[in-house]
Amino acid sequence: MLELTGFGSVLRGIGVLYWLLAIGAIVLALYKNKTPRARAIWATVAVLVFGFLPAKQMVEQYQKNAFAKEAWAYFKHKCDTEAGEKIYKTFTGVKSVLVVKPLPAATEKDLYDQFWMGDPYSDDLPGVDRGERAAAKLIGRRRFTQEYSYADSGYSFIEIRSGKEGNWIFLRLAPLNLPPYVEKSIIKSSESRFGISWEDISTPNDRKYWVAGSRLQILDLTDDSVVAERFGYFIETGFGSTAGQRRPWQTSRGVGTTCPAIINRDHVNRFFVLKVLGASEGISNGK
């Protein structure tokens, strides 16, 4: 990437100039001092002065490499022991779902925060309407290309619960064929049998290594039982680097940095929920 901008050549030129100056300083120390003791002292000074930065860079690079190796090992252990889908029951003919715990709002600043507990595995876009956007991806019919080249049926509508118990507010999202493609309305009570909940389950030790943990639960609201749950983990491979205008929690999210691997960034939650709560028409053991 540096070669495309020309900075690579500039940096190499600076490096060559630096070492020429270092060699010149040592030569000057050896030939301009009359006594062996003076030559040894000034040559040592030149080596220490010009060797400090390279030595410091070598130590820092070693520390970075060691941290990256440790972080990747930690992430792999999480993937091997905790990540995955657990599906206890499946249903079909489901008309709607209630979001009992939506994804929280996020700011641009959150994408740079190592300890932002906003579940970047499930969604990496900021916004005050982040929870609504994630929920809206569950409604209507969608046609997918590349990895998913088929049309599938979403739910007739999604409900989102907010407020406090005894004073709940319900927002309903239904598909529209024309922009803005989502119709919003406030309703008095929920009609959905099933609920979904997003949660960031990262621990301080996870975030030490720039690893984010996620849990997406599907609930049967008739008895509050867990129907299925997905545990996902995500490692930020730049470890917070903002070089090249990186947005850490957004830039790294993809197939090789997540488990289960996120193949279709925008619809990873939709595929899991619809796998458990099928929206097929003509079957009605769900609601």
Protein backbone atom coordinates (compact mmCIF):
# COMPACT_ATOMS: atom_id res chain seq x y z
CA MET A 1 0.00 0.00 0.00
CA LEU A 2 2.89 2.36 0.80
CA GLU A 3 4.37 1.72 -2.63
CA LEU A 4 1.24 3.03 -4.31
CA THR A 5 1.59 6.35 -2.50
CA GLY A 6 5.35 6.74 -2.89
CA PHE A 7 5.91 6.79 0.87
CA GLY A 8 7.71 3.45 0.76
CA SER A 9 10.57 4.92 -1.29
CA VAL A 10 10.72 7.98 0.96
CA LEU A 11 10.97 5.84 4.09
CA ARG A 12 13.71 3.68 2.57
CA GLY A 13 15.61 6.85 1.62
CA ILE A 14 15.37 8.15 5.18
CA GLY A 15 16.61 4.79 6.49
CA VAL A 16 19.66 4.83 4.19
CA LEU A 17 20.46 8.42 5.18
CA TYR A 18 20.18 7.50 8.88
CA TRP A 19 22.72 4.68 8.58
CA LEU A 20 25.06 6.80 6.47
CA LEU A 21 25.04 9.40 9.23
CA ALA A 22 25.70 6.67 11.81
CA ILE A 23 28.66 5.30 9.86
CA GLY A 24 29.96 8.83 9.31
CA ALA A 25 29.78 9.57 13.03
CA ILE A 26 31.72 6.41 13.90
CA VAL A 27 34.36 7.11 11.24
CA LEU A 28 34.69 10.67 12.50
CA ALA A 29 35.12 9.42 16.07
CA LEU A 30 37.87 7.01 15.00
CA TYR A 31 39.87 9.37 12.83
CA LYS A 32 39.45 12.74 14.52
CA ASN A 33 40.52 11.64 17.99
CA LYS A 34 44.21 11.23 18.69
CA THR A 35 44.25 8.73 21.56
CA PRO A 36 42.84 5.18 21.52
CA ARG A 37 40.86 5.94 24.66
CA ALA A 38 39.19 9.00 23.11
CA ARG A 39 38.43 7.11 19.90
CA ALA A 40 36.85 4.26 21.88
CA ILE A 41 34.73 6.65 23.97
CA TRP A 42 33.42 8.67 21.03
CA ALA A 43 32.84 5.61 18.86
CA THR A 44 30.84 4.09 21.71
CA VAL A 45 28.83 7.29 22.06
CA ALA A 46 28.07 7.27 18.32
CA VAL A 47 26.97 3.63 18.44
CA LEU A 48 24.73 4.27 21.45
CA VAL A 49 23.17 7.40 19.95
CA PHE A 50 22.47 5.95 16.51
CA GLY A 51 21.69 2.48 17.80
CA PHE A 52 19.05 3.58 20.32
CA LEU A 53 16.16 4.06 17.89
CA PRO A 54 16.70 0.80 15.93
CA ALA A 55 17.07 -1.12 19.19
CA LYS A 56 13.93 0.50 20.58
CA GLN A 57 12.03 -0.35 17.39
CA MET A 58 13.23 -3.95 17.53
CA VAL A 59 12.07 -4.32 21.13
CA GLU A 60 8.69 -2.74 20.35
CA GLN A 61 8.22 -4.96 17.28
CA TYR A 62 9.11 -8.04 19.31
CA GLN A 63 6.56 -7.04 21.94
CA LYS A 64 3.88 -6.46 19.28
CA ASN A 65 4.57 -9.82 17.65
CA ALA A 66 4.47 -11.59 21.00
CA PHE A 67 1.17 -9.91 21.91
CA ALA A 68 -0.38 -10.76 18.53
CA LYS A 69 0.65 -14.41 18.87
CA GLU A 70 -0.81 -14.56 22.38
CA ALA A 71 -4.03 -12.82 21.30
CA TRP A 72 -4.60 -15.17 18.35
CA ALA A 73 -4.01 -18.19 20.59
CA TYR A 74 -6.54 -16.80 23.07
CA PHE A 75 -9.08 -16.18 20.28
CA LYS A 76 -8.61 -19.70 18.89
CA HIS A 77 -9.19 -21.18 22.34
CA LYS A 78 -12.44 -19.21 22.63
CA CYS A 79 -13.50 -20.48 19.20
CA ASP A 80 -12.67 -24.08 20.07
CA THR A 81 -14.31 -24.13 23.50
CA GLU A 82 -17.14 -21.56 23.58
CA ALA A 83 -18.22 -20.41 20.11
CA GLY A 84 -20.98 -22.05 18.11
CA GLU A 85 -24.72 -22.55 17.71
CA LYS A 86 -26.89 -24.47 20.14
CA ILE A 87 -30.33 -25.24 18.73
CA TYR A 88 -32.67 -27.02 21.15
CA LYS A 89 -35.92 -26.72 19.14
CA THR A 90 -37.00 -25.45 15.74
CA PHE A 91 -40.32 -24.06 14.55
CA THR A 92 -41.89 -23.17 11.22
CA GLY A 93 -44.65 -20.86 10.09
CA VAL A 94 -43.53 -18.13 12.47
CA LYS A 95 -45.19 -14.82 11.64
CA SER A 96 -43.39 -12.41 13.94
CA VAL A 97 -40.71 -12.09 16.61
CA LEU A 98 -40.38 -9.74 19.59
CA VAL A 99 -36.96 -8.21 20.21
CA VAL A 100 -36.78 -8.21 24.01
CA LYS A 101 -33.20 -6.89 24.12
CA PRO A 102 -32.09 -4.99 21.00
CA LEU A 103 -28.55 -4.10 20.07
CA PRO A 104 -27.61 -0.84 21.83
CA ALA A 105 -27.02 2.44 20.03
CA ALA A 106 -23.42 3.12 19.06
CA THR A 107 -21.37 6.19 18.24
CA GLU A 108 -18.48 6.55 15.81
CA LYS A 109 -16.21 6.80 18.84
CA ASP A 110 -17.33 3.34 20.03
CA LEU A 111 -15.74 1.72 16.99
CA TYR A 112 -12.32 2.75 18.35
CA ASP A 113 -12.96 1.80 21.99
CA GLN A 114 -11.29 -1.43 23.10
CA PHE A 115 -13.84 -1.85 25.89
CA TRP A 116 -17.01 -0.92 24.00
CA MET A 117 -19.48 -3.60 25.12
CA GLY A 118 -21.87 -3.21 22.19
CA ASP A 119 -21.55 -6.62 20.49
CA PRO A 120 -19.50 -5.76 17.38
CA TYR A 121 -19.72 -9.42 16.33
CA SER A 122 -23.44 -9.05 15.53
CA ASP A 123 -23.25 -5.61 13.93
CA ASP A 124 -20.39 -3.21 13.21
CA LEU A 125 -22.26 -0.07 12.19
CA PRO A 126 -22.79 2.92 14.49
CA GLY A 127 -26.04 4.84 14.91
CA VAL A 128 -28.80 5.64 17.37
CA ASP A 129 -31.12 3.33 15.38
CA ARG A 130 -28.70 0.41 15.40
CA GLY A 131 -31.15 -1.87 17.21
CA GLU A 132 -33.95 -1.07 14.77
CA ARG A 133 -31.70 -1.66 11.75
CA ALA A 134 -30.64 -5.07 13.00
CA ALA A 135 -34.26 -6.04 13.72
CA ALA A 136 -35.50 -4.76 10.35
CA LYS A 137 -33.20 -7.21 8.56
CA LEU A 138 -35.46 -10.03 9.79
CA ILE A 139 -38.57 -8.89 7.90
CA GLY A 140 -39.68 -9.32 4.30
CA ARG A 141 -38.31 -11.40 1.46
CA ARG A 142 -34.65 -11.08 0.55
CA ARG A 143 -32.65 -12.33 -2.41
CA PHE A 144 -29.00 -13.06 -1.74
CA THR A 145 -26.14 -13.45 -4.16
CA GLN A 146 -22.61 -14.84 -4.04
CA GLU A 147 -22.45 -17.08 -0.95
CA TYR A 148 -26.25 -17.16 -0.58
CA SER A 149 -27.92 -17.25 -3.99
CA TYR A 150 -31.53 -17.83 -3.05
CA ALA A 151 -34.61 -15.93 -1.97
CA ASP A 152 -35.91 -16.54 1.54
CA SER A 153 -38.97 -15.37 3.43
CA GLY A 154 -38.63 -13.16 6.45
CA TYR A 155 -41.24 -12.38 9.05
CA SER A 156 -44.43 -10.43 8.45
CA PHE A 157 -43.38 -7.97 11.13
CA ILE A 158 -40.94 -7.51 13.99
CA GLU A 159 -41.73 -5.97 17.35
CA ILE A 160 -39.20 -4.18 19.54
CA ARG A 161 -39.75 -3.75 23.26
CA SER A 162 -38.40 -0.79 25.21
CA GLY A 163 -39.08 0.92 28.52
CA LYS A 164 -39.63 -0.90 31.81
CA GLU A 165 -41.76 -3.79 32.98
CA GLY A 166 -45.30 -2.62 33.59
CA ASN A 167 -44.76 0.28 31.24
CA TRP A 168 -43.46 -1.37 28.08
CA ILE A 169 -43.48 0.42 24.72
CA PHE A 170 -43.75 -1.69 21.57
CA LEU A 171 -42.54 -0.61 18.15
CA ARG A 172 -43.67 -2.66 15.14
CA LEU A 173 -41.62 -2.85 11.94
CA ALA A 174 -43.30 -4.18 8.79
CA PRO A 175 -41.93 -4.43 5.24
CA LEU A 176 -42.84 -1.96 2.49
CA ASN A 177 -42.22 -2.41 -1.21
CA LEU A 178 -41.16 1.20 -1.68
CA PRO A 179 -38.74 3.50 0.21
CA PRO A 180 -38.18 3.65 3.14
CA TYR A 181 -39.04 -0.10 2.86
CA VAL A 182 -39.94 -0.30 6.56
CA GLU A 183 -43.23 0.83 8.07
CA LYS A 184 -43.09 1.78 11.75
CA SER A 185 -46.01 1.91 14.19
CA ILE A 186 -46.51 1.94 17.94
CA ILE A 187 -48.68 -0.89 19.29
CA LYS A 188 -50.17 -1.52 22.73
CA SER A 189 -49.02 -5.10 23.21
CA SER A 190 -46.99 -7.79 21.51
CA GLU A 191 -48.50 -10.58 19.43
CA SER A 192 -45.31 -12.63 19.17
CA ARG A 193 -44.74 -16.00 20.78
CA PHE A 194 -40.97 -15.88 20.31
CA GLY A 195 -38.38 -13.36 21.39
CA ILE A 196 -34.76 -12.62 20.54
CA SER A 197 -32.09 -11.02 22.68
CA TRP A 198 -28.67 -9.59 21.75
CA GLU A 199 -25.97 -9.39 24.39
CA ASP A 200 -22.24 -8.61 24.53
CA ILE A 201 -20.67 -11.23 26.81
CA SER A 202 -17.07 -10.03 26.61
CA THR A 203 -14.93 -10.31 29.74
CA PRO A 204 -12.13 -7.87 30.67
CA ASN A 205 -9.65 -10.57 29.67
CA ASP A 206 -11.32 -10.90 26.25
CA ARG A 207 -10.98 -7.19 25.62
CA LYS A 208 -7.37 -7.23 26.82
CA TYR A 209 -6.71 -9.12 23.59
CA TRP A 210 -9.21 -7.12 21.51
CA VAL A 211 -11.63 -10.06 21.45
CA ALA A 212 -15.39 -9.44 21.58
CA GLY A 213 -17.92 -12.04 22.71
CA SER A 214 -21.56 -12.17 21.61
CA ARG A 215 -24.69 -14.11 22.52
CA LEU A 216 -27.87 -14.11 20.44
CA GLN A 217 -30.69 -15.94 22.22
CA ILE A 218 -34.05 -17.07 20.86
CA LEU A 219 -36.73 -17.48 23.52
CA ASP A 220 -40.15 -19.09 23.74
CA LEU A 221 -42.05 -16.38 25.59
CA THR A 222 -44.82 -18.74 26.68
CA ASP A 223 -42.49 -20.23 29.30
CA ASP A 224 -39.34 -18.07 28.94
CA SER A 225 -37.34 -21.11 27.79
CA VAL A 226 -34.30 -20.82 25.54
CA VAL A 227 -35.03 -22.27 22.10
CA ALA A 228 -31.57 -21.64 20.63
CA GLU A 229 -28.49 -19.50 21.16
CA ARG A 230 -25.45 -18.51 19.19
CA PHE A 231 -22.14 -17.68 20.83
CA GLY A 232 -19.85 -15.69 18.57
CA TYR A 233 -16.32 -14.32 18.98
CA PHE A 234 -14.49 -11.65 17.01
CA ILE A 235 -10.84 -10.55 17.14
CA GLU A 236 -9.77 -7.06 16.05
CA THR A 237 -6.61 -7.96 14.15
CA GLY A 238 -5.16 -4.45 14.15
CA PHE A 239 -5.40 -4.35 17.95
CA GLY A 240 -6.76 -0.82 17.87
CA SER A 241 -4.61 0.54 15.04
CA THR A 242 -6.12 3.54 13.25
CA ALA A 243 -3.52 3.58 10.43
CA GLY A 244 -5.01 4.24 7.03
CA GLN A 245 -8.21 5.57 8.62
CA ARG A 246 -9.04 2.17 10.15
CA ARG A 247 -12.13 1.90 12.34
CA PRO A 248 -10.96 -1.01 14.51
CA TRP A 249 -14.21 -2.82 15.34
CA GLN A 250 -15.42 -2.42 11.76
CA THR A 251 -12.36 -2.99 9.59
CA SER A 252 -11.47 -6.45 10.90
CA ARG A 253 -14.93 -8.05 10.94
CA GLY A 254 -15.11 -10.88 8.42
CA VAL A 255 -14.60 -14.55 7.67
CA GLY A 256 -11.12 -15.07 9.13
CA THR A 257 -11.63 -13.02 12.29
CA THR A 258 -14.96 -14.39 13.56
CA CYS A 259 -16.27 -17.70 14.81
CA PRO A 260 -18.73 -18.91 13.76
CA ALA A 261 -17.34 -17.31 10.60
CA ILE A 262 -19.35 -14.34 9.34
CA ILE A 263 -19.74 -14.89 5.60
CA ASN A 264 -22.54 -12.45 4.80
CA ARG A 265 -21.82 -9.41 6.97
CA ASP A 266 -25.27 -7.83 6.85
CA HIS A 267 -27.42 -10.91 7.35
CA VAL A 268 -25.56 -13.16 9.79
CA ASN A 269 -28.28 -12.70 12.43
CA ARG A 270 -31.11 -13.22 9.94
CA PHE A 271 -29.76 -16.58 8.79
CA PHE A 272 -29.45 -17.90 12.33
CA VAL A 273 -32.88 -16.73 13.51
CA LEU A 274 -34.68 -17.99 10.40
CA LYS A 275 -32.90 -21.34 10.72
CA VAL A 276 -34.54 -21.76 14.13
CA LEU A 277 -37.85 -19.94 13.56
CA GLY A 278 -38.78 -20.67 9.97
CA ALA A 279 -41.16 -18.25 8.30
CA SER A 280 -42.46 -20.80 5.78
CA GLU A 281 -46.02 -20.24 4.64
CA GLY A 282 -48.76 -22.81 5.20
CA ILE A 283 -47.32 -24.30 8.42
CA SER A 284 -48.51 -22.96 11.72
CA ASN A 285 -46.87 -24.57 14.73
CA GLY A 286 -45.28 -21.21 15.44
CA LYS A 287 -46.90 -17.78 15.70
